[in-house]
Amino acid sequence: MLVIAICTEGDNSEPAYIRALKTVFSGSVAQLDNVGLQIVPVPLGGNAGHKKIFEKADEAIEYAKYHPDPLNPDILSLVDENEDKIEKWIICDYDKMHKDCVDIGWLRDAAEKTGYRLVVNRPKFDFFVLLHFIGFAEAIKIKVADYDTKLQELVKKYNECRGFTDASRQALKLPKYSKKKHIAYDFFCKLLDRGLVDEISEIPCDVSASNYSEMP
């Protein structure tokens, strides 16, 4: 068995996205039916947090082996170290790293040395969410402070264009984008149910740019 342990800087949005991705595509993407997918949230605390992130992630994965998440029961706790493999990932936002003078080159080297695959969202995860609604060229024009307002505007437009505001189609309506765990999960399940897997894989990832996402 292959277990993909995805340690996330965010406690709610990123784990909710990964869980929703698995939920939506587990029936149509054969590989997902054979992969144990465990999300391990890793809270960070600025510069010191990023410099200790891999140590914290290892501790969180070990903890999850004996305290399984109810949303992903018994996955890591069933790992047989002689037969199974744990592939370790970490998802980070760039904005706090920049603020606290954490060198991203050092972080990438540290990830490789400690056996993690690093996924960076610059400036943060919400930029990747924007890319589900609008093109890259338009998304990079939006100020970080306006991300939330723009996302709510796009969600409203999304629902109106598909007639989800009608009483008979309320169940399909996207809720407002929220950082709350259960609302975020419902939001991403409904958004990804459009069949976005090909579009996601085509999102550009130019790490030399001011805005990019390695989430695809």
Foldseek 3Di string as FASTA:
>chain_A
DEEEEEEEQAPAQVVLLVLLVLVLCVVPDVVSVVYQYHYFYFHADFPVRLVCVLVSSVVSLVVCLVVPDPSRPNPSVPDDVVPYYYQYEYEEAQQSCVVRVNDVVVSCVVCVVSRYHYWYFVRDDLLLVVCLQDPPVVSVVDDPVCSLVVQQVSLVVVCVVVVCVDPVNVQLRQDRCDRDRVSSNSNSNSSCNVPCPVVSVPRDADVVDNGGTRPD
